[in-house]
Amino acid sequence: IRGSAGSSLICYCLGITNIDPVADSVSFARFLNESRETMPDIDFDFPHKQRDQVFERINKHWPERVARISNHVIYQPKSATREAIRQAMIKHEGKSKFIPKSKCDTKFFPKWKLEIDKTKKELIGTMRCYSLHCGGIVIYDDKIPDDLKLSHTKTSNQISYNKEDVAESGLF
């Protein structure tokens, strides 16, 4: 167990950890204090090969109430360049082919350089896609809201929220 609440009295009383913060004189200010900007969290680490089993057990315990959160993948300079080149190829040649990282430079496409650079600037910092967060989940009181579910993912019950969205909406 890790996280800012990992050595808390709540974790000890729930049997999540065997660290008794009273007996071990763990300061309460470690968990909640005026300068803390976020709520304390509890992180459980599982070997990556066992994560699916863990999620399956959680889903069996709370059916249709457990959702996995997403990572929001944002275009960075390299991925934006690659996508801009791909878009230019579709526009000018009517097709797209695999563009190796070694060719992700406008010097390989001089006749489209201005267009590629413009598209690249527009893409940087925008949403590229959702990916699955390795371990973040939300357990809802009732069923998972349909408007948050992603339908095009391999994992059932993945929502569009990332960890910041979850925190901002008060879902813990």
C-alpha atoms as a PDB file:
ATOM      1  CA  ILE A   1       0.000   0.000   0.000  1.00  0.00           C
ATOM      2  CA  ARG A   2       1.156   3.506  -0.788  1.00  0.00           C
ATOM      3  CA  GLY A   3      -0.323   6.951  -0.844  1.00  0.00           C
ATOM      4  CA  SER A   4      -0.801   9.743   1.609  1.00  0.00           C
ATOM      5  CA  ALA A   5      -3.509   7.901   3.574  1.00  0.00           C
ATOM      6  CA  GLY A   6      -1.622   4.600   3.655  1.00  0.00           C
ATOM      7  CA  SER A   7      -0.646   4.945   7.310  1.00  0.00           C
ATOM      8  CA  SER A   8      -3.938   6.456   8.467  1.00  0.00           C
ATOM      9  CA  LEU A   9      -6.127   5.255  11.323  1.00  0.00           C
ATOM     10  CA  ILE A  10      -8.894   4.497   8.813  1.00  0.00           C
ATOM     11  CA  CYS A  11      -6.621   2.115   6.895  1.00  0.00           C
ATOM     12  CA  TYR A  12      -5.539   0.492  10.150  1.00  0.00           C
ATOM     13  CA  CYS A  13      -9.123   0.072  11.414  1.00  0.00           C
ATOM     14  CA  LEU A  14     -10.269  -1.358   8.070  1.00  0.00           C
ATOM     15  CA  GLY A  15      -7.416  -3.860   8.142  1.00  0.00           C
ATOM     16  CA  ILE A  16      -5.861  -2.450   4.981  1.00  0.00           C
ATOM     17  CA  THR A  17      -2.541  -1.958   6.734  1.00  0.00           C
ATOM     18  CA  ASN A  18      -0.987  -3.152   9.978  1.00  0.00           C
ATOM     19  CA  ILE A  19       0.574   0.230  10.770  1.00  0.00           C
ATOM     20  CA  ASP A  20      -1.078   1.659  13.880  1.00  0.00           C
ATOM     21  CA  PRO A  21      -0.600   5.438  13.556  1.00  0.00           C
ATOM     22  CA  VAL A  22      -1.426   5.994  17.236  1.00  0.00           C
ATOM     23  CA  ALA A  23       1.093   3.448  18.520  1.00  0.00           C
ATOM     24  CA  ASP A  24       3.682   4.577  15.951  1.00  0.00           C
ATOM     25  CA  SER A  25       3.042   8.323  16.553  1.00  0.00           C
ATOM     26  CA  VAL A  26       2.278   9.082  12.895  1.00  0.00           C
ATOM     27  CA  SER A  27       1.317  12.757  12.623  1.00  0.00           C
ATOM     28  CA  PHE A  28      -2.288  13.450  11.603  1.00  0.00           C
ATOM     29  CA  ALA A  29      -1.030  16.493   9.683  1.00  0.00           C
ATOM     30  CA  ARG A  30       0.521  14.070   7.192  1.00  0.00           C
ATOM     31  CA  PHE A  31      -2.983  13.301   5.904  1.00  0.00           C
ATOM     32  CA  LEU A  32      -4.982  16.503   6.329  1.00  0.00           C
ATOM     33  CA  ASN A  33      -3.549  19.964   6.803  1.00  0.00           C
ATOM     34  CA  GLU A  34      -4.224  23.491   5.599  1.00  0.00           C
ATOM     35  CA  SER A  35      -1.428  23.489   3.022  1.00  0.00           C
ATOM     36  CA  ARG A  36      -2.537  20.235   1.396  1.00  0.00           C
ATOM     37  CA  GLU A  37      -4.234  20.916  -1.948  1.00  0.00           C
ATOM     38  CA  THR A  38      -5.573  17.409  -2.621  1.00  0.00           C
ATOM     39  CA  MET A  39      -7.451  14.794  -0.651  1.00  0.00           C
ATOM     40  CA  PRO A  40      -5.381  11.963   0.829  1.00  0.00           C
ATOM     41  CA  ASP A  41      -5.286   8.877  -1.345  1.00  0.00           C
ATOM     42  CA  ILE A  42      -4.697   5.182  -0.893  1.00  0.00           C
ATOM     43  CA  ASP A  43      -2.817   3.339  -3.609  1.00  0.00           C
ATOM     44  CA  PHE A  44      -2.676  -0.447  -3.818  1.00  0.00           C
ATOM     45  CA  ASP A  45      -0.002  -1.958  -6.011  1.00  0.00           C
ATOM     46  CA  PHE A  46      -0.651  -5.265  -7.744  1.00  0.00           C
ATOM     47  CA  PRO A  47       1.600  -7.059 -10.202  1.00  0.00           C
ATOM     48  CA  HIS A  48       0.463  -6.042 -13.697  1.00  0.00           C
ATOM     49  CA  LYS A  49      -0.240  -9.685 -14.547  1.00  0.00           C
ATOM     50  CA  GLN A  50      -2.842  -9.834 -11.754  1.00  0.00           C
ATOM     51  CA  ARG A  51      -4.657  -6.532 -12.399  1.00  0.00           C
ATOM     52  CA  ASP A  52      -7.364  -8.079 -14.559  1.00  0.00           C
ATOM     53  CA  GLN A  53      -8.118 -10.627 -11.819  1.00  0.00           C
ATOM     54  CA  VAL A  54      -8.365  -7.847  -9.237  1.00  0.00           C
ATOM     55  CA  PHE A  55     -10.750  -5.818 -11.419  1.00  0.00           C
ATOM     56  CA  GLU A  56     -12.818  -8.921 -12.114  1.00  0.00           C
ATOM     57  CA  ARG A  57     -13.252  -9.556  -8.375  1.00  0.00           C
ATOM     58  CA  ILE A  58     -14.159  -5.921  -7.737  1.00  0.00           C
ATOM     59  CA  ASN A  59     -16.712  -6.038 -10.575  1.00  0.00           C
ATOM     60  CA  LYS A  60     -18.257  -9.218  -9.162  1.00  0.00           C
ATOM     61  CA  HIS A  61     -18.635  -7.554  -5.763  1.00  0.00           C
ATOM     62  CA  TRP A  62     -20.194  -4.341  -7.181  1.00  0.00           C
ATOM     63  CA  PRO A  63     -21.689  -5.301 -10.570  1.00  0.00           C
ATOM     64  CA  GLU A  64     -22.346  -2.444 -13.013  1.00  0.00           C
ATOM     65  CA  ARG A  65     -21.047   0.063 -10.437  1.00  0.00           C
ATOM     66  CA  VAL A  66     -17.281  -0.114 -11.042  1.00  0.00           C
ATOM     67  CA  ALA A  67     -15.690   1.957 -13.799  1.00  0.00           C
ATOM     68  CA  ARG A  68     -12.063   2.175 -14.833  1.00  0.00           C
ATOM     69  CA  ILE A  69     -10.760   5.668 -15.464  1.00  0.00           C
ATOM     70  CA  SER A  70      -8.907   6.871 -18.522  1.00  0.00           C
ATOM     71  CA  ASN A  71      -5.720   8.663 -19.327  1.00  0.00           C
ATOM     72  CA  HIS A  72      -6.172  11.536 -21.742  1.00  0.00           C
ATOM     73  CA  VAL A  73      -3.444  11.249 -24.345  1.00  0.00           C
ATOM     74  CA  ILE A  74      -2.493  14.690 -25.644  1.00  0.00           C
ATOM     75  CA  TYR A  75      -0.604  15.463 -28.834  1.00  0.00           C
ATOM     76  CA  GLN A  76       3.023  16.262 -28.143  1.00  0.00           C
ATOM     77  CA  PRO A  77       5.404  17.681 -30.795  1.00  0.00           C
ATOM     78  CA  LYS A  78       6.469  14.282 -32.207  1.00  0.00           C
ATOM     79  CA  SER A  79       3.003  12.738 -32.306  1.00  0.00           C
ATOM     80  CA  ALA A  80       1.554  15.983 -33.728  1.00  0.00           C
ATOM     81  CA  THR A  81       4.184  15.973 -36.501  1.00  0.00           C
ATOM     82  CA  ARG A  82       3.419  12.372 -37.363  1.00  0.00           C
ATOM     83  CA  GLU A  83      -0.343  13.035 -37.466  1.00  0.00           C
ATOM     84  CA  ALA A  84       0.134  16.222 -39.531  1.00  0.00           C
ATOM     85  CA  ILE A  85       2.189  14.266 -42.072  1.00  0.00           C
ATOM     86  CA  ARG A  86      -0.461  11.524 -42.160  1.00  0.00           C
ATOM     87  CA  GLN A  87      -3.227  14.090 -42.755  1.00  0.00           C
ATOM     88  CA  ALA A  88      -1.228  15.756 -45.540  1.00  0.00           C
ATOM     89  CA  MET A  89      -0.667  12.401 -47.238  1.00  0.00           C
ATOM     90  CA  ILE A  90      -4.394  11.633 -47.151  1.00  0.00           C
ATOM     91  CA  LYS A  91      -5.248  15.097 -48.485  1.00  0.00           C
ATOM     92  CA  HIS A  92      -2.686  15.115 -51.307  1.00  0.00           C
ATOM     93  CA  GLU A  93      -2.323  11.443 -52.193  1.00  0.00           C
ATOM     94  CA  GLY A  94      -5.676  10.106 -51.071  1.00  0.00           C
ATOM     95  CA  LYS A  95      -4.044   7.516 -48.855  1.00  0.00           C
ATOM     96  CA  SER A  96      -2.183   7.117 -45.632  1.00  0.00           C
ATOM     97  CA  LYS A  97       0.641   4.757 -44.974  1.00  0.00           C
ATOM     98  CA  PHE A  98       2.708   3.946 -41.937  1.00  0.00           C
ATOM     99  CA  ILE A  99       5.167   6.725 -41.153  1.00  0.00           C
ATOM    100  CA  PRO A 100       8.198   5.488 -39.220  1.00  0.00           C
ATOM    101  CA  LYS A 101       9.546   7.730 -36.489  1.00  0.00           C
ATOM    102  CA  SER A 102      12.724   8.154 -38.515  1.00  0.00           C
ATOM    103  CA  LYS A 103      10.668   9.907 -41.240  1.00  0.00           C
ATOM    104  CA  CYS A 104       8.739  12.227 -38.900  1.00  0.00           C
ATOM    105  CA  ASP A 105      10.474  15.313 -40.124  1.00  0.00           C
ATOM    106  CA  THR A 106       9.191  17.867 -42.635  1.00  0.00           C
ATOM    107  CA  LYS A 107      12.489  17.619 -44.569  1.00  0.00           C
ATOM    108  CA  PHE A 108      11.108  14.343 -45.998  1.00  0.00           C
ATOM    109  CA  PHE A 109       7.988  16.194 -47.208  1.00  0.00           C
ATOM    110  CA  PRO A 110       9.298  19.603 -48.409  1.00  0.00           C
ATOM    111  CA  LYS A 111       6.344  20.403 -50.677  1.00  0.00           C
ATOM    112  CA  TRP A 112       3.937  20.109 -47.724  1.00  0.00           C
ATOM    113  CA  LYS A 113       6.172  21.697 -45.053  1.00  0.00           C
ATOM    114  CA  LEU A 114       4.048  24.816 -44.394  1.00  0.00           C
ATOM    115  CA  GLU A 115       0.847  22.801 -44.253  1.00  0.00           C
ATOM    116  CA  ILE A 116       2.396  20.180 -41.952  1.00  0.00           C
ATOM    117  CA  ASP A 117       3.834  22.854 -39.634  1.00  0.00           C
ATOM    118  CA  LYS A 118       0.461  24.624 -39.441  1.00  0.00           C
ATOM    119  CA  THR A 119      -1.426  21.394 -38.663  1.00  0.00           C
ATOM    120  CA  LYS A 120       1.219  20.383 -36.126  1.00  0.00           C
ATOM    121  CA  LYS A 121       0.797  23.694 -34.231  1.00  0.00           C
ATOM    122  CA  GLU A 122      -2.969  23.212 -34.188  1.00  0.00           C
ATOM    123  CA  LEU A 123      -2.644  19.673 -32.831  1.00  0.00           C
ATOM    124  CA  ILE A 124      -0.097  20.208 -30.030  1.00  0.00           C
ATOM    125  CA  GLY A 125      -1.871  20.169 -26.679  1.00  0.00           C
ATOM    126  CA  THR A 126      -5.159  18.818 -28.034  1.00  0.00           C
ATOM    127  CA  MET A 127      -6.729  15.478 -27.167  1.00  0.00           C
ATOM    128  CA  ARG A 128      -5.377  12.586 -29.215  1.00  0.00           C
ATOM    129  CA  CYS A 129      -7.223   9.652 -27.640  1.00  0.00           C
ATOM    130  CA  TYR A 130      -8.232   7.892 -24.451  1.00  0.00           C
ATOM    131  CA  SER A 131      -6.088   5.161 -23.002  1.00  0.00           C
ATOM    132  CA  LEU A 132      -6.772   2.965 -20.005  1.00  0.00           C
ATOM    133  CA  HIS A 133      -5.388   4.123 -16.671  1.00  0.00           C
ATOM    134  CA  CYS A 134      -3.418   1.227 -15.228  1.00  0.00           C
ATOM    135  CA  GLY A 135      -5.332   1.095 -11.973  1.00  0.00           C
ATOM    136  CA  GLY A 136      -7.708   3.971 -11.353  1.00  0.00           C
ATOM    137  CA  ILE A 137     -11.318   3.039 -10.665  1.00  0.00           C
ATOM    138  CA  VAL A 138     -14.508   4.674  -9.448  1.00  0.00           C
ATOM    139  CA  ILE A 139     -17.165   2.736  -7.548  1.00  0.00           C
ATOM    140  CA  TYR A 140     -20.546   4.417  -7.995  1.00  0.00           C
ATOM    141  CA  ASP A 141     -23.398   4.312  -5.487  1.00  0.00           C
ATOM    142  CA  ASP A 142     -25.686   3.241  -8.306  1.00  0.00           C
ATOM    143  CA  LYS A 143     -24.892   2.208 -11.875  1.00  0.00           C
ATOM    144  CA  ILE A 144     -22.215   3.863 -14.000  1.00  0.00           C
ATOM    145  CA  PRO A 145     -23.649   6.892 -15.836  1.00  0.00           C
ATOM    146  CA  ASP A 146     -24.172   5.942 -19.496  1.00  0.00           C
ATOM    147  CA  ASP A 147     -22.947   9.336 -20.726  1.00  0.00           C
ATOM    148  CA  LEU A 148     -19.487   8.701 -19.226  1.00  0.00           C
ATOM    149  CA  LYS A 149     -18.956   5.180 -20.590  1.00  0.00           C
ATOM    150  CA  LEU A 150     -16.591   4.778 -23.522  1.00  0.00           C
ATOM    151  CA  SER A 151     -18.050   2.320 -26.003  1.00  0.00           C
ATOM    152  CA  HIS A 152     -15.031   1.861 -28.268  1.00  0.00           C
ATOM    153  CA  THR A 153     -12.623   0.332 -25.758  1.00  0.00           C
ATOM    154  CA  LYS A 154     -11.408  -3.205 -25.152  1.00  0.00           C
ATOM    155  CA  THR A 155     -12.219  -2.851 -21.462  1.00  0.00           C
ATOM    156  CA  SER A 156     -15.825  -2.806 -20.409  1.00  0.00           C
ATOM    157  CA  ASN A 157     -16.909  -0.024 -18.097  1.00  0.00           C
ATOM    158  CA  GLN A 158     -14.150   2.442 -18.948  1.00  0.00           C
ATOM    159  CA  ILE A 159     -15.229   6.053 -18.477  1.00  0.00           C
ATOM    160  CA  SER A 160     -14.013   9.213 -20.175  1.00  0.00           C
ATOM    161  CA  TYR A 161     -12.904  10.790 -16.894  1.00  0.00           C
ATOM    162  CA  ASN A 162      -9.214  10.925 -16.070  1.00  0.00           C
ATOM    163  CA  LYS A 163      -7.879  11.227 -12.518  1.00  0.00           C
ATOM    164  CA  GLU A 164      -8.214  15.034 -12.511  1.00  0.00           C
ATOM    165  CA  ASP A 165     -11.852  14.823 -13.677  1.00  0.00           C
ATOM    166  CA  VAL A 166     -12.580  12.270 -10.952  1.00  0.00           C
ATOM    167  CA  ALA A 167     -11.086  14.514  -8.275  1.00  0.00           C
ATOM    168  CA  GLU A 168     -12.835  17.664  -9.555  1.00  0.00           C
ATOM    169  CA  SER A 169     -16.234  15.952  -9.612  1.00  0.00           C
ATOM    170  CA  GLY A 170     -15.790  14.633  -6.059  1.00  0.00           C
ATOM    171  CA  LEU A 171     -15.814  10.946  -7.015  1.00  0.00           C
ATOM    172  CA  PHE A 172     -13.677   8.909  -4.652  1.00  0.00           C
END
